[in-house]
C-alpha cells in the first residue's frame, strides 16, 4: 500500500507520509539515513555496527520508484530505495 501524499520539510528535518485511513507518519531525516535499506548500509547493520549519521543530514530529493521511494540525502547517499511497507514499519 502506498501513501496518499508525501511531504518533505528540510527545515524540520522530517518526511511526512499520509496513509490511507487517515494515518499520518513523520520520519526524522537522520533516522531515515541510519535505516537506509541499501545493501551496503544493511550489511553494516547486520555486522552489529551503527551507521554514523550527522544529525543535520537532510533529505534533499524524493524520487518515486513504484513500490517505494528513493531518498537522496545531503551527505550524498542515494543508494537506498525505501519500500512503502518498510517506511510504514519505521
N, C-alpha and C. Protein backbone atom coordinates (compact mmCIF):
# COMPACT_ATOMS: atom_id res chain seq x y z
N UNK A 1 0.84 -1.17 0.00
CA UNK A 1 0.00 0.00 0.00
C UNK A 1 0.89 1.24 0.00
N UNK A 2 0.63 2.15 -0.88
CA UNK A 2 1.42 3.37 -0.98
C UNK A 2 0.70 4.52 -0.28
N UNK A 3 1.46 5.54 0.14
CA UNK A 3 0.84 6.68 0.81
C UNK A 3 0.05 7.53 -0.18
N UNK A 4 -0.91 8.26 0.35
CA UNK A 4 -1.71 9.17 -0.47
C UNK A 4 -0.93 10.44 -0.79
N UNK A 5 -0.05 10.84 0.13
CA UNK A 5 0.74 12.07 -0.06
C UNK A 5 2.06 11.94 0.68
N UNK A 6 3.08 12.61 0.13
CA UNK A 6 4.41 12.66 0.74
C UNK A 6 4.81 14.12 0.84
N UNK A 7 5.29 14.51 1.99
CA UNK A 7 5.80 15.86 2.18
C UNK A 7 7.19 15.80 2.78
N UNK A 8 8.03 16.72 2.38
CA UNK A 8 9.40 16.74 2.89
C UNK A 8 9.70 18.14 3.41
N UNK A 9 10.02 18.23 4.69
CA UNK A 9 10.37 19.50 5.30
C UNK A 9 11.85 19.51 5.64
N UNK A 10 12.63 20.24 4.89
CA UNK A 10 14.07 20.34 5.19
C UNK A 10 14.28 21.14 6.47
N UNK A 11 13.44 22.16 6.69
CA UNK A 11 13.58 22.98 7.90
C UNK A 11 13.39 22.15 9.16
N UNK A 12 12.36 21.32 9.19
CA UNK A 12 12.08 20.48 10.36
C UNK A 12 12.86 19.18 10.33
N UNK A 13 13.40 18.82 9.18
CA UNK A 13 14.16 17.59 9.06
C UNK A 13 13.29 16.36 9.18
N UNK A 14 12.11 16.42 8.52
CA UNK A 14 11.23 15.26 8.59
C UNK A 14 10.49 15.02 7.28
N UNK A 15 10.24 13.74 7.04
CA UNK A 15 9.45 13.30 5.90
C UNK A 15 8.07 12.96 6.44
N UNK A 16 7.02 13.47 5.80
CA UNK A 16 5.64 13.22 6.23
C UNK A 16 4.95 12.35 5.21
N UNK A 17 4.32 11.28 5.69
CA UNK A 17 3.57 10.38 4.83
C UNK A 17 2.12 10.34 5.31
N UNK A 18 1.20 10.48 4.39
CA UNK A 18 -0.22 10.34 4.71
C UNK A 18 -0.70 9.04 4.10
N UNK A 19 -1.09 8.10 4.96
CA UNK A 19 -1.50 6.77 4.55
C UNK A 19 -3.02 6.68 4.44
N UNK A 20 -3.52 5.76 3.62
CA UNK A 20 -4.97 5.53 3.56
C UNK A 20 -5.49 5.24 4.97
N UNK A 21 -6.68 5.70 5.24
CA UNK A 21 -7.26 5.51 6.56
C UNK A 21 -7.00 6.68 7.48
N UNK A 22 -6.27 7.69 6.98
CA UNK A 22 -6.05 8.90 7.77
C UNK A 22 -4.81 8.91 8.65
N UNK A 23 -4.02 7.86 8.64
CA UNK A 23 -2.82 7.83 9.48
C UNK A 23 -1.74 8.71 8.86
N UNK A 24 -1.16 9.57 9.69
CA UNK A 24 -0.04 10.40 9.25
C UNK A 24 1.22 9.94 9.98
N UNK A 25 2.30 9.86 9.26
CA UNK A 25 3.58 9.41 9.81
C UNK A 25 4.63 10.47 9.56
N UNK A 26 5.42 10.76 10.57
CA UNK A 26 6.52 11.72 10.45
C UNK A 26 7.82 10.98 10.77
N UNK A 27 8.77 11.05 9.84
CA UNK A 27 10.03 10.34 9.99
C UNK A 27 11.19 11.32 9.93
N UNK A 28 12.04 11.24 10.92
CA UNK A 28 13.20 12.10 11.03
C UNK A 28 14.23 11.77 9.94
N UNK A 29 14.76 12.79 9.28
CA UNK A 29 15.71 12.58 8.19
C UNK A 29 16.93 11.77 8.63
N UNK A 30 17.53 12.12 9.78
CA UNK A 30 18.72 11.41 10.24
C UNK A 30 18.39 9.95 10.54
N UNK A 31 17.22 9.69 11.12
CA UNK A 31 16.83 8.32 11.40
C UNK A 31 16.63 7.54 10.10
N UNK A 32 16.03 8.17 9.11
CA UNK A 32 15.87 7.52 7.80
C UNK A 32 17.23 7.17 7.21
N UNK A 33 18.19 8.07 7.33
CA UNK A 33 19.53 7.81 6.80
C UNK A 33 20.17 6.63 7.51
N UNK A 34 19.98 6.55 8.85
CA UNK A 34 20.53 5.42 9.62
C UNK A 34 19.86 4.10 9.23
N UNK A 35 18.60 4.15 8.81
CA UNK A 35 17.84 2.95 8.48
C UNK A 35 17.82 2.66 6.98
N UNK A 36 18.71 3.28 6.23
CA UNK A 36 18.75 3.07 4.78
C UNK A 36 18.79 1.57 4.46
N UNK A 37 17.92 1.11 3.55
CA UNK A 37 17.86 -0.33 3.24
C UNK A 37 18.81 -0.77 2.13
N UNK A 38 19.71 0.08 1.67
CA UNK A 38 20.63 -0.36 0.60
C UNK A 38 21.52 -1.48 1.12
N UNK A 39 22.10 -2.23 0.21
CA UNK A 39 22.89 -3.40 0.61
C UNK A 39 24.08 -3.03 1.48
N UNK A 40 24.71 -1.92 1.20
CA UNK A 40 25.88 -1.50 1.98
C UNK A 40 25.49 -1.17 3.42
N UNK A 41 24.44 -0.38 3.61
CA UNK A 41 24.00 0.01 4.95
C UNK A 41 23.44 -1.20 5.70
N UNK A 42 22.70 -2.03 5.00
CA UNK A 42 22.13 -3.23 5.63
C UNK A 42 23.25 -4.17 6.11
N UNK A 43 24.28 -4.36 5.29
CA UNK A 43 25.41 -5.22 5.68
C UNK A 43 26.11 -4.65 6.91
N UNK A 44 26.23 -3.35 6.96
CA UNK A 44 26.85 -2.68 8.11
C UNK A 44 26.06 -3.00 9.37
N UNK A 45 24.73 -2.87 9.32
CA UNK A 45 23.89 -3.15 10.49
C UNK A 45 23.91 -4.63 10.86
N UNK A 46 23.96 -5.51 9.86
CA UNK A 46 24.00 -6.95 10.14
C UNK A 46 25.27 -7.36 10.88
N UNK A 47 26.32 -6.57 10.74
CA UNK A 47 27.56 -6.81 11.47
C UNK A 47 27.49 -6.28 12.89
N UNK A 48 26.33 -5.71 13.25
CA UNK A 48 26.17 -5.16 14.59
C UNK A 48 26.69 -3.75 14.73
N UNK A 49 27.00 -3.12 13.62
CA UNK A 49 27.54 -1.76 13.63
C UNK A 49 26.41 -0.75 13.44
N UNK A 50 26.63 0.45 13.87
CA UNK A 50 25.67 1.53 13.70
C UNK A 50 26.16 2.48 12.62
N UNK A 51 25.31 2.79 11.69
CA UNK A 51 25.65 3.75 10.64
C UNK A 51 25.73 5.12 11.31
N UNK A 52 26.91 5.74 11.23
CA UNK A 52 27.11 7.06 11.84
C UNK A 52 26.57 8.14 10.91
N UNK A 53 25.67 8.96 11.44
CA UNK A 53 24.99 9.97 10.63
C UNK A 53 25.04 11.30 11.36
N UNK A 54 25.42 12.33 10.65
CA UNK A 54 25.37 13.68 11.20
C UNK A 54 23.89 14.03 11.43
N UNK A 55 23.52 14.48 12.62
CA UNK A 55 22.11 14.80 12.89
C UNK A 55 21.56 15.91 12.02
N UNK A 56 22.44 16.64 11.33
CA UNK A 56 21.99 17.72 10.44
C UNK A 56 21.70 17.24 9.03
N UNK A 57 21.88 15.93 8.75
CA UNK A 57 21.62 15.41 7.41
C UNK A 57 20.16 15.65 7.04
N UNK A 58 19.93 15.95 5.77
CA UNK A 58 18.58 16.23 5.29
C UNK A 58 18.30 15.43 4.03
N UNK A 59 17.02 15.16 3.83
CA UNK A 59 16.57 14.57 2.57
C UNK A 59 16.45 15.72 1.59
N UNK A 60 17.20 15.66 0.49
CA UNK A 60 17.20 16.74 -0.50
C UNK A 60 16.50 16.32 -1.79
N UNK A 61 16.14 15.05 -1.88
CA UNK A 61 15.44 14.56 -3.06
C UNK A 61 14.57 13.37 -2.71
N UNK A 62 13.38 13.34 -3.30
CA UNK A 62 12.44 12.24 -3.11
C UNK A 62 12.00 11.79 -4.49
N UNK A 63 12.40 10.56 -4.86
CA UNK A 63 12.10 10.04 -6.19
C UNK A 63 11.25 8.79 -6.10
N UNK A 64 10.02 8.86 -6.60
CA UNK A 64 9.12 7.71 -6.57
C UNK A 64 9.69 6.58 -7.43
N UNK A 65 9.56 5.36 -6.94
CA UNK A 65 10.07 4.19 -7.65
C UNK A 65 9.01 3.08 -7.72
N UNK A 66 7.74 3.43 -7.72
CA UNK A 66 6.67 2.44 -7.84
C UNK A 66 6.36 1.76 -6.53
N UNK A 67 7.22 0.83 -6.12
CA UNK A 67 6.99 0.07 -4.89
C UNK A 67 7.54 0.78 -3.66
N UNK A 68 8.14 1.94 -3.87
CA UNK A 68 8.73 2.68 -2.77
C UNK A 68 9.27 4.02 -3.23
N UNK A 69 10.23 4.53 -2.51
CA UNK A 69 10.77 5.84 -2.81
C UNK A 69 12.29 5.83 -2.58
N UNK A 70 12.99 6.47 -3.51
CA UNK A 70 14.43 6.66 -3.35
C UNK A 70 14.62 8.01 -2.66
N UNK A 71 15.37 7.99 -1.57
CA UNK A 71 15.66 9.23 -0.86
C UNK A 71 17.10 9.63 -1.13
N UNK A 72 17.29 10.89 -1.46
CA UNK A 72 18.62 11.45 -1.70
C UNK A 72 18.94 12.32 -0.48
N UNK A 73 20.07 12.02 0.17
CA UNK A 73 20.44 12.71 1.39
C UNK A 73 21.52 13.75 1.13
N UNK A 74 21.56 14.75 1.99
CA UNK A 74 22.51 15.85 1.83
C UNK A 74 23.97 15.40 1.98
N UNK A 75 24.20 14.22 2.54
CA UNK A 75 25.57 13.70 2.64
C UNK A 75 26.00 12.96 1.38
N UNK A 76 25.14 12.99 0.34
CA UNK A 76 25.46 12.37 -0.94
C UNK A 76 24.95 10.95 -1.09
N UNK A 77 24.45 10.35 -0.02
CA UNK A 77 23.97 8.96 -0.09
C UNK A 77 22.62 8.93 -0.80
N UNK A 78 22.52 8.05 -1.81
CA UNK A 78 21.27 7.95 -2.57
C UNK A 78 21.03 6.54 -3.09
N UNK A 79 21.65 5.55 -2.47
CA UNK A 79 21.58 4.19 -2.99
C UNK A 79 20.33 3.43 -2.57
N UNK A 80 19.72 3.82 -1.46
CA UNK A 80 18.61 3.04 -0.93
C UNK A 80 17.26 3.39 -1.53
N UNK A 81 16.48 2.35 -1.81
CA UNK A 81 15.08 2.54 -2.17
C UNK A 81 14.29 2.00 -1.00
N UNK A 82 13.48 2.85 -0.40
CA UNK A 82 12.70 2.52 0.77
C UNK A 82 11.33 2.01 0.32
N UNK A 83 11.08 0.70 0.42
CA UNK A 83 9.75 0.19 0.06
C UNK A 83 8.68 0.79 0.99
N UNK A 84 7.48 0.94 0.47
CA UNK A 84 6.38 1.52 1.26
C UNK A 84 6.19 0.77 2.57
N UNK A 85 6.18 -0.55 2.52
CA UNK A 85 5.97 -1.35 3.73
C UNK A 85 7.09 -1.11 4.74
N UNK A 86 8.31 -0.94 4.28
CA UNK A 86 9.44 -0.67 5.17
C UNK A 86 9.24 0.67 5.88
N UNK A 87 8.85 1.70 5.11
CA UNK A 87 8.60 3.02 5.71
C UNK A 87 7.46 2.95 6.72
N UNK A 88 6.41 2.25 6.37
CA UNK A 88 5.25 2.14 7.27
C UNK A 88 5.63 1.50 8.59
N UNK A 89 6.62 0.61 8.56
CA UNK A 89 7.05 -0.08 9.76
C UNK A 89 8.05 0.68 10.63
N UNK A 90 8.57 1.77 10.13
CA UNK A 90 9.56 2.54 10.92
C UNK A 90 8.87 3.39 11.96
